[in-house]
Every structure is written in structure tokens, then in C-alpha cells.
Amino acid sequence: MADRGSMYEGIPAELPEELIETLCAAGSVRIERIVSRGHASPPGFRYDQKENEFVLVLTGSAGITLADTGETIVLAAGDYLNIPAGVRHRVEWTDPDGDTVWLAVFYGIVSSIKV
């Protein structure tokens, strides 16, 4: 049976912590909906993941800092970022005035693909 849903439904009025929901997963792939409302990574914290992460901002905006360059990448609705495994990063900020809805796809390390 096919699953159906909406990326914008079921978001609580109060959101003291980010809302993270796994939408589907199979093998080395996991797809999540993340909803942020002014959330950021804790001071000094950096993600250091063993899997690649592709994020797409559907609504709102966010700033992600990559540890190796110190660059903060600003993402608005429609922007995506593909973060390779092992690239330490943090969420500096998300839109404090509304929901930032992310689609996050976590996937195993893939060898280069030639087209």
C-alpha cells in the first residue's frame, strides 16, 4: 500500500524542540521531515555523520556552517545542500518568525557516478 501525507500538516502550534519525523526508510536511505522554528544547534555542537545528508528547505530559511571552511551557507525555500559524510556542520539559525520545513535524505556513501 502506498503512503501519502503532507509536509505541512500536523505541525504543532508549540514547538519547543525541532520536530523530526522519519517518512520512510529502506536499506541505507532514510527520508525525514524536519520542522524548525527558530531552532539552532547547541553552542559548540557540530554534526559529524557517517552518512551523506541531502537537505532541501521547503519553507522558511536557515544558516548552516561547515566546520572545514567556516562558511555559513544561507538556504531559503527551494534551496538544497548536499553534505558529504564526515563533513562537520551545524545549524546556526532557522527562521524565528515561522516554520522552516526541511526534507532531509540520509544515504550511504556512494561511489562517483559517471554519466
C-alpha atoms as a PDB file:
ATOM      1  CA  MET A   1       0.000   0.000   0.000  1.00  0.00           C
ATOM      2  CA  ALA A   2       1.259   3.473  -0.857  1.00  0.00           C
ATOM      3  CA  ASP A   3       1.768   6.017   1.932  1.00  0.00           C
ATOM      4  CA  ARG A   4       0.505   9.531   1.437  1.00  0.00           C
ATOM      5  CA  GLY A   5       0.928  12.660   3.519  1.00  0.00           C
ATOM      6  CA  SER A   6       1.676  16.345   3.536  1.00  0.00           C
ATOM      7  CA  MET A   7       4.904  18.049   4.532  1.00  0.00           C
ATOM      8  CA  TYR A   8       2.836  20.876   6.032  1.00  0.00           C
ATOM      9  CA  GLU A   9       0.194  19.047   8.081  1.00  0.00           C
ATOM     10  CA  GLY A  10       0.449  18.007  11.712  1.00  0.00           C
ATOM     11  CA  ILE A  11       2.883  20.713  12.776  1.00  0.00           C
ATOM     12  CA  PRO A  12       2.192  21.529  16.439  1.00  0.00           C
ATOM     13  CA  ALA A  13       1.354  25.098  17.492  1.00  0.00           C
ATOM     14  CA  GLU A  14       4.020  24.835  20.211  1.00  0.00           C
ATOM     15  CA  LEU A  15       7.426  23.599  19.072  1.00  0.00           C
ATOM     16  CA  PRO A  16       9.912  23.741  21.972  1.00  0.00           C
ATOM     17  CA  GLU A  17      12.247  21.355  20.088  1.00  0.00           C
ATOM     18  CA  GLU A  18      12.688  20.591  16.417  1.00  0.00           C
ATOM     19  CA  LEU A  19      10.177  18.119  15.056  1.00  0.00           C
ATOM     20  CA  ILE A  20      11.944  15.230  13.307  1.00  0.00           C
ATOM     21  CA  GLU A  21       9.891  12.505  11.643  1.00  0.00           C
ATOM     22  CA  THR A  22      11.071   9.604   9.516  1.00  0.00           C
ATOM     23  CA  LEU A  23       8.813   9.469   6.473  1.00  0.00           C
ATOM     24  CA  CYS A  24      10.320   6.300   5.027  1.00  0.00           C
ATOM     25  CA  ALA A  25      13.485   4.236   5.177  1.00  0.00           C
ATOM     26  CA  ALA A  26      14.963   1.324   3.256  1.00  0.00           C
ATOM     27  CA  GLY A  27      18.473  -0.067   3.220  1.00  0.00           C
ATOM     28  CA  SER A  28      20.942   2.786   3.620  1.00  0.00           C
ATOM     29  CA  VAL A  29      18.377   5.509   2.798  1.00  0.00           C
ATOM     30  CA  ARG A  30      16.261   7.414   5.311  1.00  0.00           C
ATOM     31  CA  ILE A  31      13.951  10.322   4.440  1.00  0.00           C
ATOM     32  CA  GLU A  32      12.901  12.739   7.171  1.00  0.00           C
ATOM     33  CA  ARG A  33      10.724  15.788   7.624  1.00  0.00           C
ATOM     34  CA  ILE A  34      12.305  18.295   9.974  1.00  0.00           C
ATOM     35  CA  VAL A  35      10.433  21.351  11.234  1.00  0.00           C
ATOM     36  CA  SER A  36      12.413  24.139  12.906  1.00  0.00           C
ATOM     37  CA  ARG A  37      11.073  27.355  14.395  1.00  0.00           C
ATOM     38  CA  GLY A  38      13.997  29.499  15.449  1.00  0.00           C
ATOM     39  CA  HIS A  39      15.990  26.399  16.431  1.00  0.00           C
ATOM     40  CA  ALA A  40      19.765  26.072  16.102  1.00  0.00           C
ATOM     41  CA  SER A  41      22.458  23.590  17.068  1.00  0.00           C
ATOM     42  CA  PRO A  42      23.603  23.955  20.691  1.00  0.00           C
ATOM     43  CA  PRO A  43      26.691  26.175  21.192  1.00  0.00           C
ATOM     44  CA  GLY A  44      29.871  24.293  20.244  1.00  0.00           C
ATOM     45  CA  PHE A  45      27.939  21.320  18.802  1.00  0.00           C
ATOM     46  CA  ARG A  46      28.638  20.020  15.299  1.00  0.00           C
ATOM     47  CA  TYR A  47      27.058  17.151  13.425  1.00  0.00           C
ATOM     48  CA  ASP A  48      29.636  14.587  12.286  1.00  0.00           C
ATOM     49  CA  GLN A  49      27.671  11.933  10.438  1.00  0.00           C
ATOM     50  CA  LYS A  50      28.736   8.659   8.891  1.00  0.00           C
ATOM     51  CA  GLU A  51      26.192   9.068   6.112  1.00  0.00           C
ATOM     52  CA  ASN A  52      25.656  11.678   3.426  1.00  0.00           C
ATOM     53  CA  GLU A  53      22.846  14.167   4.001  1.00  0.00           C
ATOM     54  CA  PHE A  54      20.870  15.986   1.331  1.00  0.00           C
ATOM     55  CA  VAL A  55      18.665  18.770   2.729  1.00  0.00           C
ATOM     56  CA  LEU A  56      16.045  20.779   0.869  1.00  0.00           C
ATOM     57  CA  VAL A  57      14.366  23.767   2.513  1.00  0.00           C
ATOM     58  CA  LEU A  58      10.688  23.741   1.536  1.00  0.00           C
ATOM     59  CA  THR A  59       9.608  26.789   3.580  1.00  0.00           C
ATOM     60  CA  GLY A  60      11.442  29.240   5.783  1.00  0.00           C
ATOM     61  CA  SER A  61      15.190  29.756   5.865  1.00  0.00           C
ATOM     62  CA  ALA A  62      18.303  28.587   7.692  1.00  0.00           C
ATOM     63  CA  GLY A  63      22.039  29.063   8.008  1.00  0.00           C
ATOM     64  CA  ILE A  64      24.364  26.043   8.071  1.00  0.00           C
ATOM     65  CA  THR A  65      28.042  26.449   8.909  1.00  0.00           C
ATOM     66  CA  LEU A  66      30.570  23.952   7.542  1.00  0.00           C
ATOM     67  CA  ALA A  67      33.400  23.421  10.040  1.00  0.00           C
ATOM     68  CA  ASP A  68      36.139  22.842   7.460  1.00  0.00           C
ATOM     69  CA  THR A  69      35.619  26.219   5.759  1.00  0.00           C
ATOM     70  CA  GLY A  70      33.826  28.210   8.461  1.00  0.00           C
ATOM     71  CA  GLU A  71      31.434  29.315   5.733  1.00  0.00           C
ATOM     72  CA  THR A  72      27.787  29.830   6.696  1.00  0.00           C
ATOM     73  CA  ILE A  73      25.534  28.847   3.832  1.00  0.00           C
ATOM     74  CA  VAL A  74      22.151  30.562   3.831  1.00  0.00           C
ATOM     75  CA  LEU A  75      19.309  28.442   2.496  1.00  0.00           C
ATOM     76  CA  ALA A  76      15.893  29.813   1.532  1.00  0.00           C
ATOM     77  CA  ALA A  77      12.790  27.998   0.289  1.00  0.00           C
ATOM     78  CA  GLY A  78      13.773  25.908  -2.719  1.00  0.00           C
ATOM     79  CA  ASP A  79      17.493  25.758  -1.865  1.00  0.00           C
ATOM     80  CA  TYR A  80      19.283  22.497  -1.156  1.00  0.00           C
ATOM     81  CA  LEU A  81      22.631  21.427   0.235  1.00  0.00           C
ATOM     82  CA  ASN A  82      24.315  18.044  -0.112  1.00  0.00           C
ATOM     83  CA  ILE A  83      26.600  17.417   2.868  1.00  0.00           C
ATOM     84  CA  PRO A  84      29.052  14.538   2.405  1.00  0.00           C
ATOM     85  CA  ALA A  85      29.615  12.063   5.229  1.00  0.00           C
ATOM     86  CA  GLY A  86      32.229  13.282   7.694  1.00  0.00           C
ATOM     87  CA  VAL A  87      31.783  16.986   6.926  1.00  0.00           C
ATOM     88  CA  ARG A  88      31.199  18.535  10.333  1.00  0.00           C
ATOM     89  CA  HIS A  89      28.455  21.147  10.310  1.00  0.00           C
ATOM     90  CA  ARG A  90      25.959  22.944  12.478  1.00  0.00           C
ATOM     91  CA  VAL A  91      22.677  24.769  12.074  1.00  0.00           C
ATOM     92  CA  GLU A  92      23.462  28.366  13.046  1.00  0.00           C
ATOM     93  CA  TRP A  93      19.888  29.600  12.862  1.00  0.00           C
ATOM     94  CA  THR A  94      16.457  28.959  11.418  1.00  0.00           C
ATOM     95  CA  ASP A  95      13.692  31.449  10.726  1.00  0.00           C
ATOM     96  CA  PRO A  96      12.467  32.712  14.129  1.00  0.00           C
ATOM     97  CA  ASP A  97       9.207  34.084  12.697  1.00  0.00           C
ATOM     98  CA  GLY A  98       7.864  30.967  11.002  1.00  0.00           C
ATOM     99  CA  ASP A  99       8.401  27.314  10.282  1.00  0.00           C
ATOM    100  CA  THR A 100      11.416  26.098   8.378  1.00  0.00           C
ATOM    101  CA  VAL A 101      10.313  22.805   6.848  1.00  0.00           C
ATOM    102  CA  TRP A 102      13.151  20.611   5.611  1.00  0.00           C
ATOM    103  CA  LEU A 103      13.207  17.444   3.547  1.00  0.00           C
ATOM    104  CA  ALA A 104      16.311  15.514   4.631  1.00  0.00           C
ATOM    105  CA  VAL A 105      17.591  12.449   2.800  1.00  0.00           C
ATOM    106  CA  PHE A 106      20.312  10.438   4.519  1.00  0.00           C
ATOM    107  CA  TYR A 107      22.116   7.932   2.335  1.00  0.00           C
ATOM    108  CA  GLY A 108      25.166   5.707   2.358  1.00  0.00           C
ATOM    109  CA  ILE A 109      28.443   6.682   0.805  1.00  0.00           C
ATOM    110  CA  VAL A 110      28.071   6.384  -2.939  1.00  0.00           C
ATOM    111  CA  SER A 111      30.995   5.958  -5.300  1.00  0.00           C
ATOM    112  CA  SER A 112      31.226   8.520  -8.066  1.00  0.00           C
ATOM    113  CA  ILE A 113      28.653   8.132 -10.791  1.00  0.00           C
ATOM    114  CA  LYS A 114      29.689   8.686 -14.388  1.00  0.00           C
ATOM    115  CA  VAL A 115      27.061   9.854 -16.823  1.00  0.00           C
END
